[in-house]
Amino acid sequence: MSNASEPNQSASPAGDEPARRSGIWLGLLALLFALAYVVPGLVGHGPWAPEAETFAMVQNTLDGGDPVAPVLDGKPNVETPPLYTLTAVGLAHALRDYLPAHDAARLATGFYLLIAFGFTVLIGRAAWGGRDESAGTIALLVLLGTLGVLYGGHLMGTDVALTAGIAMALYGLIAAPSRVLFGGLWLGTGIGLAFMAEGLFGPAILVVTALLMPLFSHWRRGRYPRALLTAVVFAAPWLLVWPAYLYQRDPALFELWFWGHNIGPYLAGIDFSAPQSADYWLRTAPWLTFPAALLALLALLFRPYPALTSPGVQASLVLSLAGWAVLVFSPVATELSALPLLVPLAVIGAGVVPRLPGWVVKPLYMVAVLLFAAAAIGLWALWIWIMQTGHPPQLDLLAAVMPMDYSFQWQPIAYAAAAIFTLAWFWIVVRYRPPGAAALLVWPAGVVLLWGLLTLLHLPWIDLAEPELAANLKQLLSALP
């Protein structure tokens, strides 16, 4: 079987040139999307409710607290290893003259999110690159358009670092059978990064995936065991140093971390007959994974042979199944826990995007245009009202979610950026039209536009509302018929 990451050698150089130029432009566009997605909202607001505990540990460490076991509410917190906290501390210290501590610390999220994006491109290229040009770029665009990333990818927290580690390890796993040192380096480092981000959850699903891969012929090569041993060597420092320091610091803390926060909750909470979290994930997963999971399903249904014979897709599929199986039976998993599993879904789904027929692309394009155009018009109209009157419109639906005592704040740079986001999305709507699959760029571009307008036009208002925003939204949604 040929390596899926190798380019198609049968095409003539002259015939490849237009596709190569198109791929370069698409890659540049995706890079701009990624930056426009990551940057807005990283700075300019205080710690939000989901970030409060993380920033409390960052602030304690900045004030001279223990970096091995950061203190939360006066007690050492060892729920997760301190990789994200230490990264945030380093950024806050380095940028202390330029940014408030909470803004500088949140840049750690952007750092790990960009790592995850970069490895998503590499995985997509390895999975589909021999069959589809720009496969890695398409995988990134699918990931950018997935709603779960929008929800969890902009908060100060460990899940983004875990996502970066799992993406890195998956890339190494795909490369391992043919490139022992290279694959082992990224697999082992990714496992270590995932461990230092959130403990044993990430390494557990990665190890299970690695042990299951010999079910496929590509991984039954003699080099694969050597690559796994290489990965163990590169993972060992990550897996051993911090636990050793923690045990030296206090054996009771080590036991609390290992049994209390890693092994114990799973052993105590698993019910294989009827997992309590199954209903939760049935309600949450459809919107959290949209559209990556839908595209992944279409890829497996309509391109089964190229999908299931691609080592990259095989590894992504096994990792995804192993990870979701753990989440479904986990008593402690949340929406953010699913963030790392959106990467393999996006990679699988990337394979079907260039093959979608025009009769499918056109209605999807129209729905996306109408949806995001309505959202953009609404957000701009709201901004204009607040700018003209100095206060929000007195609407019952809006008052149920947002505070009505907000006063307008003039931020010209943010407003200029919001205008650029809007014009760029409009250009994409006009430039990429059906029946070509490129018209589907309107979806990830629309997600970037929506996030950009929310954070560039209304961030001070959202920041004011944030302490009760999530509860108000849940109450409003529950009241809907």
Protein backbone atom coordinates (compact mmCIF):
# COMPACT_ATOMS: atom_id res chain seq x y z
CA MET A 1 0.00 0.00 0.00
CA SER A 2 1.35 3.40 -0.88
CA ASN A 3 1.82 5.98 1.81
CA ALA A 4 -1.21 8.29 1.89
CA SER A 5 1.01 11.26 2.56
CA GLU A 6 2.92 10.92 -0.72
CA PRO A 7 1.87 13.19 -3.58
CA ASN A 8 0.36 11.81 -6.73
CA GLN A 9 3.27 11.21 -9.09
CA SER A 10 1.16 10.42 -12.11
CA ALA A 11 0.00 13.97 -12.77
CA SER A 12 2.10 16.16 -15.02
CA PRO A 13 3.86 19.17 -13.52
CA ALA A 14 1.95 21.49 -15.87
CA GLY A 15 -1.36 19.98 -14.81
CA ASP A 16 -0.44 20.29 -11.14
CA GLU A 17 0.47 23.98 -11.35
CA PRO A 18 -3.06 25.49 -11.16
CA ALA A 19 -3.99 23.18 -8.29
CA ARG A 20 -0.75 24.07 -6.52
CA ARG A 21 -1.42 27.80 -6.85
CA SER A 22 -4.99 27.31 -5.66
CA GLY A 23 -3.70 25.32 -2.70
CA ILE A 24 -1.25 28.08 -1.77
CA TRP A 25 -4.00 30.72 -1.82
CA LEU A 26 -6.31 28.48 0.19
CA GLY A 27 -3.52 27.89 2.71
CA LEU A 28 -2.89 31.62 3.10
CA LEU A 29 -6.60 32.23 3.53
CA ALA A 30 -6.79 29.51 6.19
CA LEU A 31 -3.81 31.04 8.00
CA LEU A 32 -5.59 34.40 8.10
CA PHE A 33 -8.74 32.64 9.32
CA ALA A 34 -6.78 30.94 12.09
CA LEU A 35 -5.22 34.19 13.30
CA ALA A 36 -8.53 36.04 13.06
CA TYR A 37 -10.13 33.21 15.02
CA VAL A 38 -7.54 33.04 17.80
CA VAL A 39 -6.66 36.69 18.47
CA PRO A 40 -10.03 38.43 19.16
CA GLY A 41 -11.12 37.97 22.74
CA LEU A 42 -7.75 36.85 24.11
CA VAL A 43 -7.18 40.22 25.77
CA GLY A 44 -9.33 43.11 26.91
CA HIS A 45 -11.54 41.42 29.49
CA GLY A 46 -11.24 40.07 33.00
CA PRO A 47 -11.19 36.37 33.93
CA TRP A 48 -14.55 34.80 33.11
CA ALA A 49 -16.26 32.29 35.38
CA PRO A 50 -14.79 29.15 33.72
CA GLU A 51 -11.34 30.77 33.99
CA ALA A 52 -11.51 31.85 37.63
CA GLU A 53 -9.83 28.82 39.18
CA THR A 54 -7.10 28.66 36.54
CA PHE A 55 -6.22 32.32 36.92
CA ALA A 56 -6.30 32.07 40.72
CA MET A 57 -3.55 29.43 40.50
CA VAL A 58 -1.64 31.53 37.97
CA GLN A 59 -1.82 34.57 40.26
CA ASN A 60 -0.76 32.54 43.30
CA THR A 61 2.28 31.21 41.42
CA LEU A 62 3.16 34.71 40.22
CA ASP A 63 3.03 35.84 43.84
CA GLY A 64 5.64 33.26 44.81
CA GLY A 65 3.47 30.15 45.30
CA ASP A 66 4.53 26.57 44.70
CA PRO A 67 4.80 25.86 40.92
CA VAL A 68 4.66 22.09 41.49
CA ALA A 69 1.26 22.24 43.20
CA PRO A 70 -0.34 25.67 42.61
CA VAL A 71 -2.56 26.85 45.43
CA LEU A 72 -6.32 27.31 45.01
CA ASP A 73 -8.48 28.59 47.88
CA GLY A 74 -5.57 28.20 50.27
CA LYS A 75 -4.91 24.54 49.42
CA PRO A 76 -2.53 22.88 46.91
CA ASN A 77 -4.48 21.93 43.77
CA VAL A 78 -3.29 18.77 42.03
CA GLU A 79 -6.37 18.03 39.95
CA THR A 80 -4.20 18.40 36.85
CA PRO A 81 -0.44 18.78 36.28
CA PRO A 82 0.65 22.41 36.04
CA LEU A 83 1.72 22.75 32.39
CA TYR A 84 -0.92 25.29 31.41
CA THR A 85 -0.48 27.20 34.67
CA LEU A 86 3.29 27.40 34.22
CA THR A 87 2.92 28.50 30.59
CA ALA A 88 0.48 31.21 31.64
CA VAL A 89 2.79 32.27 34.49
CA GLY A 90 5.72 32.54 32.07
CA LEU A 91 3.74 34.71 29.66
CA ALA A 92 2.33 36.88 32.44
CA HIS A 93 5.82 37.44 33.81
CA ALA A 94 7.37 38.16 30.39
CA LEU A 95 4.61 40.61 29.41
CA ARG A 96 4.06 42.19 32.82
CA ASP A 97 5.03 45.63 31.50
CA TYR A 98 2.59 45.48 28.60
CA LEU A 99 -0.53 43.53 29.63
CA PRO A 100 -2.53 42.83 32.78
CA ALA A 101 -1.71 39.44 34.25
CA HIS A 102 -5.02 37.84 33.24
CA ASP A 103 -4.69 38.98 29.61
CA ALA A 104 -1.08 37.83 29.31
CA ALA A 105 -1.94 34.50 30.95
CA ARG A 106 -4.78 33.92 28.47
CA LEU A 107 -2.27 34.13 25.62
CA ALA A 108 -1.30 30.60 26.63
CA THR A 109 -4.64 29.51 25.16
CA GLY A 110 -3.77 31.13 21.83
CA PHE A 111 -0.33 29.50 21.92
CA TYR A 112 -1.67 25.97 22.39
CA LEU A 113 -4.57 26.52 20.00
CA LEU A 114 -2.17 27.49 17.21
CA ILE A 115 -0.10 24.36 17.93
CA ALA A 116 -3.27 22.26 17.60
CA PHE A 117 -4.15 24.03 14.34
CA GLY A 118 -0.68 23.43 12.91
CA PHE A 119 -0.75 19.71 13.65
CA THR A 120 -4.30 19.46 12.29
CA VAL A 121 -2.94 20.66 8.95
CA LEU A 122 -0.13 18.09 9.08
CA ILE A 123 -2.50 15.26 10.03
CA GLY A 124 -4.96 16.17 7.27
CA ARG A 125 -2.15 16.24 4.73
CA ALA A 126 -0.87 12.86 5.92
CA ALA A 127 -4.36 11.35 5.87
CA TRP A 128 -5.62 12.59 2.51
CA GLY A 129 -2.68 14.34 0.83
CA GLY A 130 -1.99 11.62 -1.72
CA ARG A 131 -5.54 11.88 -2.98
CA ASP A 132 -6.61 15.48 -2.36
CA GLU A 133 -4.56 18.63 -2.70
CA SER A 134 -4.91 21.06 0.20
CA ALA A 135 -6.31 18.30 2.44
CA GLY A 136 -4.50 19.68 5.47
CA THR A 137 -5.88 23.16 4.90
CA ILE A 138 -9.39 21.77 4.51
CA ALA A 139 -9.02 19.85 7.79
CA LEU A 140 -8.09 23.10 9.53
CA LEU A 141 -11.06 24.91 7.99
CA VAL A 142 -13.42 22.15 9.15
CA LEU A 143 -11.97 22.45 12.65
CA LEU A 144 -12.33 26.25 12.61
CA GLY A 145 -15.97 25.85 11.65
CA THR A 146 -16.76 23.34 14.40
CA LEU A 147 -18.88 24.85 17.15
CA GLY A 148 -17.14 23.05 20.02
CA VAL A 149 -13.87 24.81 19.23
CA LEU A 150 -15.64 28.17 19.28
CA TYR A 151 -17.04 27.30 22.71
CA GLY A 152 -13.91 25.90 24.33
CA GLY A 153 -11.02 27.31 22.36
CA HIS A 154 -11.00 30.83 23.77
CA LEU A 155 -10.95 30.19 27.51
CA MET A 156 -8.06 30.08 29.93
CA GLY A 157 -7.85 26.38 30.77
CA THR A 158 -6.05 23.08 30.35
CA ASP A 159 -8.23 21.55 27.61
CA VAL A 160 -6.58 23.56 24.85
CA ALA A 161 -3.13 22.31 25.92
CA LEU A 162 -4.52 18.76 25.96
CA THR A 163 -5.82 19.30 22.42
CA ALA A 164 -2.37 20.38 21.26
CA GLY A 165 -0.78 17.31 22.84
CA ILE A 166 -3.25 14.86 21.32
CA ALA A 167 -2.94 16.44 17.86
CA MET A 168 0.85 16.26 18.09
CA ALA A 169 0.77 12.62 19.21
CA LEU A 170 -1.69 11.64 16.47
CA TYR A 171 0.62 13.07 13.84
CA GLY A 172 3.53 11.13 15.31
CA LEU A 173 1.46 7.93 15.39
CA ILE A 174 0.67 8.24 11.68
CA ALA A 175 4.33 8.80 10.83
CA ALA A 176 5.66 6.09 13.17
CA PRO A 177 5.53 2.99 10.90
CA SER A 178 7.67 4.62 8.20
CA ARG A 179 9.78 7.15 10.15
CA VAL A 180 10.88 5.66 13.46
CA LEU A 181 12.72 8.60 15.04
CA PHE A 182 10.48 11.33 13.63
CA GLY A 183 7.24 9.52 14.48
CA GLY A 184 8.49 8.47 17.90
CA LEU A 185 9.57 12.04 18.68
CA TRP A 186 6.14 13.54 18.01
CA LEU A 187 4.19 10.63 19.46
CA GLY A 188 6.17 10.63 22.69
CA THR A 189 6.28 14.39 23.04
CA GLY A 190 2.55 14.62 22.34
CA ILE A 191 1.79 11.99 24.98
CA GLY A 192 3.94 13.89 27.45
CA LEU A 193 2.33 17.21 26.61
CA ALA A 194 -1.15 15.68 26.99
CA PHE A 195 -0.13 14.23 30.36
CA MET A 196 1.25 17.49 31.70
CA ALA A 197 -1.91 19.26 30.50
CA GLU A 198 -4.56 17.12 32.20
CA GLY A 199 -3.10 13.94 33.63
CA LEU A 200 -3.82 10.40 32.49
CA PHE A 201 -6.89 10.93 30.27
CA GLY A 202 -4.98 11.98 27.14
CA PRO A 203 -2.13 9.45 27.42
CA ALA A 204 -4.65 6.67 28.14
CA ILE A 205 -6.59 7.10 24.91
CA LEU A 206 -3.37 7.62 22.95
CA VAL A 207 -1.81 4.44 24.33
CA VAL A 208 -4.99 2.46 23.64
CA THR A 209 -5.01 3.81 20.10
CA ALA A 210 -1.35 2.95 19.56
CA LEU A 211 -1.89 -0.62 20.80
CA LEU A 212 -4.92 -1.09 18.54
CA MET A 213 -3.27 0.16 15.36
CA PRO A 214 -1.62 -3.21 14.46
CA LEU A 215 -5.14 -4.34 13.58
CA PHE A 216 -4.36 -2.53 10.31
CA SER A 217 -1.64 -3.83 8.00
CA HIS A 218 0.20 -0.49 7.80
CA TRP A 219 1.11 -0.78 11.49
CA ARG A 220 2.25 -4.41 11.34
CA ARG A 221 5.61 -3.38 9.96
CA GLY A 222 8.75 -4.19 11.89
CA ARG A 223 9.57 -0.53 12.38
CA TYR A 224 6.42 0.24 14.38
CA PRO A 225 7.54 -1.41 17.68
CA ARG A 226 10.82 0.49 17.42
CA ALA A 227 8.90 3.71 16.95
CA LEU A 228 6.83 2.95 20.06
CA LEU A 229 10.00 2.39 22.07
CA THR A 230 11.34 5.69 20.75
CA ALA A 231 8.10 7.36 21.83
CA VAL A 232 8.52 5.94 25.34
CA VAL A 233 11.97 7.52 25.53
CA PHE A 234 10.67 10.95 24.49
CA ALA A 235 7.60 10.70 26.74
CA ALA A 236 9.49 9.55 29.85
CA PRO A 237 10.74 12.96 31.07
CA TRP A 238 7.24 14.43 30.78
CA LEU A 239 5.69 11.46 32.58
CA LEU A 240 8.22 11.13 35.40
CA VAL A 241 9.66 14.51 36.40
CA TRP A 242 6.57 16.28 37.72
CA PRO A 243 5.14 13.21 39.56
CA ALA A 244 8.56 12.69 41.15
CA TYR A 245 8.66 16.31 42.32
CA LEU A 246 5.10 16.02 43.59
CA TYR A 247 5.88 12.84 45.53
CA GLN A 248 8.98 14.46 46.98
CA ARG A 249 6.90 17.50 47.92
CA ASP A 250 4.21 15.45 49.68
CA PRO A 251 3.37 11.73 49.18
CA ALA A 252 -0.21 12.43 50.26
CA LEU A 253 -0.60 15.00 47.48
CA PHE A 254 0.76 12.46 44.99
CA GLU A 255 -1.79 9.89 46.13
CA LEU A 256 -4.56 12.48 45.92
CA TRP A 257 -3.55 13.34 42.36
CA PHE A 258 -3.10 9.76 41.16
CA TRP A 259 -6.06 8.08 42.84
CA GLY A 260 -8.32 10.94 43.78
CA HIS A 261 -8.27 12.84 40.49
CA ASN A 262 -7.28 10.26 37.86
CA ILE A 263 -8.12 6.64 38.69
CA GLY A 264 -10.72 6.91 41.44
CA PRO A 265 -13.42 8.98 39.69
CA TYR A 266 -13.49 6.60 36.73
CA LEU A 267 -13.55 3.40 38.81
CA ALA A 268 -16.21 4.79 41.12
CA GLY A 269 -18.43 6.34 38.49
CA ILE A 270 -18.45 3.91 35.57
CA ASP A 271 -21.70 2.07 34.94
CA PHE A 272 -21.38 -0.05 31.80
CA SER A 273 -25.05 -1.03 31.84
CA ALA A 274 -26.44 2.50 31.60
CA PRO A 275 -23.86 5.31 31.89
CA GLN A 276 -25.37 8.38 33.50
CA SER A 277 -23.54 10.67 31.09
CA ALA A 278 -24.93 8.98 27.94
CA ASP A 279 -28.03 11.19 27.92
CA TYR A 280 -25.87 14.26 28.47
CA TRP A 281 -23.68 13.47 25.45
CA LEU A 282 -26.69 12.63 23.27
CA ARG A 283 -27.92 16.17 23.91
CA THR A 284 -24.51 17.86 23.76
CA ALA A 285 -22.46 16.07 21.11
CA PRO A 286 -24.61 16.97 18.05
CA TRP A 287 -24.06 20.73 18.39
CA LEU A 288 -20.59 20.43 19.92
CA THR A 289 -19.21 18.40 16.99
CA PHE A 290 -21.10 20.14 14.17
CA PRO A 291 -20.16 20.08 11.30
CA ALA A 292 -17.01 17.97 11.80
CA ALA A 293 -18.85 14.83 12.92
CA LEU A 294 -21.39 15.10 10.08
CA LEU A 295 -18.64 15.48 7.49
CA ALA A 296 -16.69 12.58 9.03
CA LEU A 297 -19.77 10.37 8.75
CA LEU A 298 -20.26 11.42 5.11
CA ALA A 299 -16.60 10.67 4.36
CA LEU A 300 -16.93 7.15 5.76
CA LEU A 301 -20.22 6.56 3.93
CA PHE A 302 -19.37 7.96 0.51
CA ARG A 303 -15.60 7.43 0.39
CA PRO A 304 -15.21 4.20 2.37
CA TYR A 305 -12.33 2.70 0.43
CA PRO A 306 -9.98 5.71 0.37
CA ALA A 307 -10.97 6.52 3.93
CA LEU A 308 -10.46 3.11 5.45
CA THR A 309 -7.26 2.40 3.50
CA SER A 310 -5.60 5.66 4.55
CA PRO A 311 -3.35 5.17 7.61
CA GLY A 312 -4.09 8.72 8.71
CA VAL A 313 -7.83 8.19 8.63
CA GLN A 314 -7.47 4.80 10.34
CA ALA A 315 -5.53 6.34 13.23
CA SER A 316 -7.92 9.30 13.48
CA LEU A 317 -10.93 6.98 13.53
CA VAL A 318 -9.53 4.69 16.23
CA LEU A 319 -8.47 7.65 18.38
CA SER A 320 -11.89 9.23 18.00
CA LEU A 321 -13.74 6.03 18.92
CA ALA A 322 -11.49 5.37 21.92
CA GLY A 323 -11.81 8.93 23.17
CA TRP A 324 -15.58 9.13 22.85
CA ALA A 325 -15.97 5.75 24.55
CA VAL A 326 -14.07 7.11 27.56
CA LEU A 327 -16.11 10.33 27.60
CA VAL A 328 -19.46 8.55 27.43
CA PHE A 329 -18.62 6.45 30.48
CA SER A 330 -16.81 9.21 32.36
CA PRO A 331 -18.60 10.67 35.38
CA VAL A 332 -16.48 13.84 35.31
CA ALA A 333 -16.36 14.79 31.61
CA THR A 334 -17.70 18.17 30.41
CA GLU A 335 -18.15 19.86 27.03
CA LEU A 336 -14.56 21.06 27.22
CA SER A 337 -13.35 17.47 27.61
CA ALA A 338 -14.44 16.80 24.03
CA LEU A 339 -12.29 19.56 22.56
CA PRO A 340 -9.28 17.30 21.73
CA LEU A 341 -11.54 14.80 19.93
CA LEU A 342 -12.71 17.40 17.42
CA VAL A 343 -9.31 17.25 15.68
CA PRO A 344 -9.61 13.64 14.40
CA LEU A 345 -13.22 14.27 13.38
CA ALA A 346 -12.14 17.31 11.34
CA VAL A 347 -9.38 15.28 9.69
CA ILE A 348 -11.76 12.51 8.65
CA GLY A 349 -14.39 14.97 7.47
CA ALA A 350 -11.87 16.86 5.32
CA GLY A 351 -11.82 13.98 2.84
CA VAL A 352 -15.39 14.44 1.68
CA VAL A 353 -15.50 18.23 1.33
CA PRO A 354 -13.88 18.46 -2.15
CA ARG A 355 -16.18 15.66 -3.38
CA LEU A 356 -19.51 17.15 -2.31
CA PRO A 357 -21.78 17.56 -5.35
CA GLY A 358 -23.19 20.94 -6.34
CA TRP A 359 -26.75 20.00 -5.35
CA VAL A 360 -25.47 19.55 -1.78
CA VAL A 361 -23.15 22.55 -1.76
CA LYS A 362 -25.73 25.08 -2.98
CA PRO A 363 -28.32 24.72 -0.16
CA LEU A 364 -25.57 24.55 2.45
CA TYR A 365 -24.08 27.74 1.03
CA MET A 366 -27.45 29.50 1.07
CA VAL A 367 -28.22 28.47 4.65
CA ALA A 368 -24.79 29.61 5.83
CA VAL A 369 -25.07 32.95 4.03
CA LEU A 370 -28.53 33.66 5.44
CA LEU A 371 -27.56 32.57 8.95
CA PHE A 372 -24.35 34.55 9.26
CA ALA A 373 -25.69 37.56 7.35
CA ALA A 374 -28.61 37.76 9.78
CA ALA A 375 -26.23 37.43 12.75
CA ALA A 376 -23.89 40.09 11.40
CA ILE A 377 -26.74 42.51 10.66
CA GLY A 378 -28.15 41.95 14.13
CA LEU A 379 -24.81 42.53 15.87
CA TRP A 380 -24.05 45.66 13.83
CA ALA A 381 -27.58 47.01 14.36
CA LEU A 382 -27.25 46.44 18.09
CA TRP A 383 -23.92 48.25 18.12
CA ILE A 384 -25.35 51.20 16.18
CA TRP A 385 -28.29 51.47 18.60
CA ILE A 386 -26.02 51.43 21.65
CA MET A 387 -23.64 53.93 20.04
CA GLN A 388 -26.49 56.33 19.19
CA THR A 389 -28.45 56.07 22.45
CA GLY A 390 -25.70 55.19 24.92
CA HIS A 391 -27.57 52.15 26.26
CA PRO A 392 -28.94 48.80 24.97
CA PRO A 393 -32.46 48.53 23.52
CA GLN A 394 -35.01 47.64 26.18
CA LEU A 395 -36.08 44.26 24.79
CA ASP A 396 -37.36 41.54 27.12
CA LEU A 397 -35.48 38.79 25.29
CA LEU A 398 -32.21 40.72 25.47
CA ALA A 399 -32.80 41.75 29.08
CA ALA A 400 -33.21 38.09 30.05
CA VAL A 401 -29.58 37.48 29.11
CA MET A 402 -27.66 40.76 29.16
CA PRO A 403 -27.51 43.63 31.69
CA MET A 404 -29.42 46.74 30.66
CA ASP A 405 -27.25 49.17 32.67
CA TYR A 406 -24.36 48.95 30.19
CA SER A 407 -22.91 52.24 28.91
CA PHE A 408 -21.31 52.51 25.49
CA GLN A 409 -17.50 52.46 25.31
CA TRP A 410 -15.72 53.90 22.27
CA GLN A 411 -13.05 51.53 20.87
CA PRO A 412 -12.19 52.69 17.33
CA ILE A 413 -9.48 50.10 16.59
CA ALA A 414 -11.81 47.23 17.50
CA TYR A 415 -14.60 48.70 15.38
CA ALA A 416 -12.29 49.11 12.38
CA ALA A 417 -11.24 45.46 12.76
CA ALA A 418 -14.90 44.42 12.93
CA ALA A 419 -15.55 46.26 9.66
CA ILE A 420 -12.62 44.44 8.03
CA PHE A 421 -13.99 41.08 9.25
CA THR A 422 -17.37 41.91 7.73
CA LEU A 423 -15.97 43.00 4.37
CA ALA A 424 -13.74 39.93 4.21
CA TRP A 425 -16.71 37.62 4.80
CA PHE A 426 -18.74 39.45 2.16
CA TRP A 427 -15.85 39.08 -0.31
CA ILE A 428 -15.77 35.32 0.34
CA VAL A 429 -19.54 35.08 -0.18
CA VAL A 430 -19.21 36.80 -3.57
CA ARG A 431 -15.91 35.24 -4.64
CA TYR A 432 -16.63 31.56 -3.81
CA ARG A 433 -20.04 30.51 -5.03
CA PRO A 434 -21.71 27.18 -5.82
CA PRO A 435 -21.51 24.67 -7.33
CA GLY A 436 -17.83 24.41 -6.38
CA ALA A 437 -17.04 23.01 -2.95
CA ALA A 438 -14.96 26.13 -2.24
CA ALA A 439 -18.29 27.87 -1.62
CA LEU A 440 -18.37 26.08 1.72
CA LEU A 441 -15.64 28.47 2.88
CA VAL A 442 -18.57 30.65 3.83
CA TRP A 443 -19.16 28.49 6.93
CA PRO A 444 -15.76 28.70 8.69
CA ALA A 445 -15.50 32.31 7.53
CA GLY A 446 -18.92 32.94 9.07
CA VAL A 447 -17.86 31.39 12.37
CA VAL A 448 -14.78 33.64 12.40
CA LEU A 449 -17.01 36.62 11.56
CA LEU A 450 -19.48 35.79 14.34
CA TRP A 451 -16.76 35.46 16.97
CA GLY A 452 -15.01 38.56 15.67
CA LEU A 453 -18.11 40.74 15.81
CA LEU A 454 -19.06 39.50 19.26
CA THR A 455 -15.63 40.28 20.70
CA LEU A 456 -14.79 43.40 18.69
CA LEU A 457 -18.15 45.16 18.95
CA HIS A 458 -19.57 43.93 22.24
CA LEU A 459 -16.74 42.57 24.42
CA PRO A 460 -17.13 45.16 27.25
CA TRP A 461 -20.85 44.38 27.44
CA ILE A 462 -20.23 40.62 27.40
CA ASP A 463 -17.59 41.07 30.09
CA LEU A 464 -20.12 42.91 32.25
CA ALA A 465 -22.72 40.18 31.70
CA GLU A 466 -20.38 37.20 32.01
CA PRO A 467 -20.82 36.26 35.68
CA GLU A 468 -24.50 35.39 35.04
CA LEU A 469 -24.43 34.97 31.24
CA ALA A 470 -24.23 31.17 31.11
CA ALA A 471 -26.98 30.72 33.70
CA ASN A 472 -29.21 33.27 31.96
CA LEU A 473 -28.77 31.56 28.59
CA LYS A 474 -29.60 28.15 30.04
CA GLN A 475 -32.70 29.54 31.73
CA LEU A 476 -33.80 31.23 28.49
CA LEU A 477 -33.26 28.09 26.39
CA SER A 478 -35.11 25.92 28.90
CA ALA A 479 -38.10 28.28 28.68
CA LEU A 480 -38.35 27.94 24.91
CA PRO A 481 -41.02 25.55 23.57
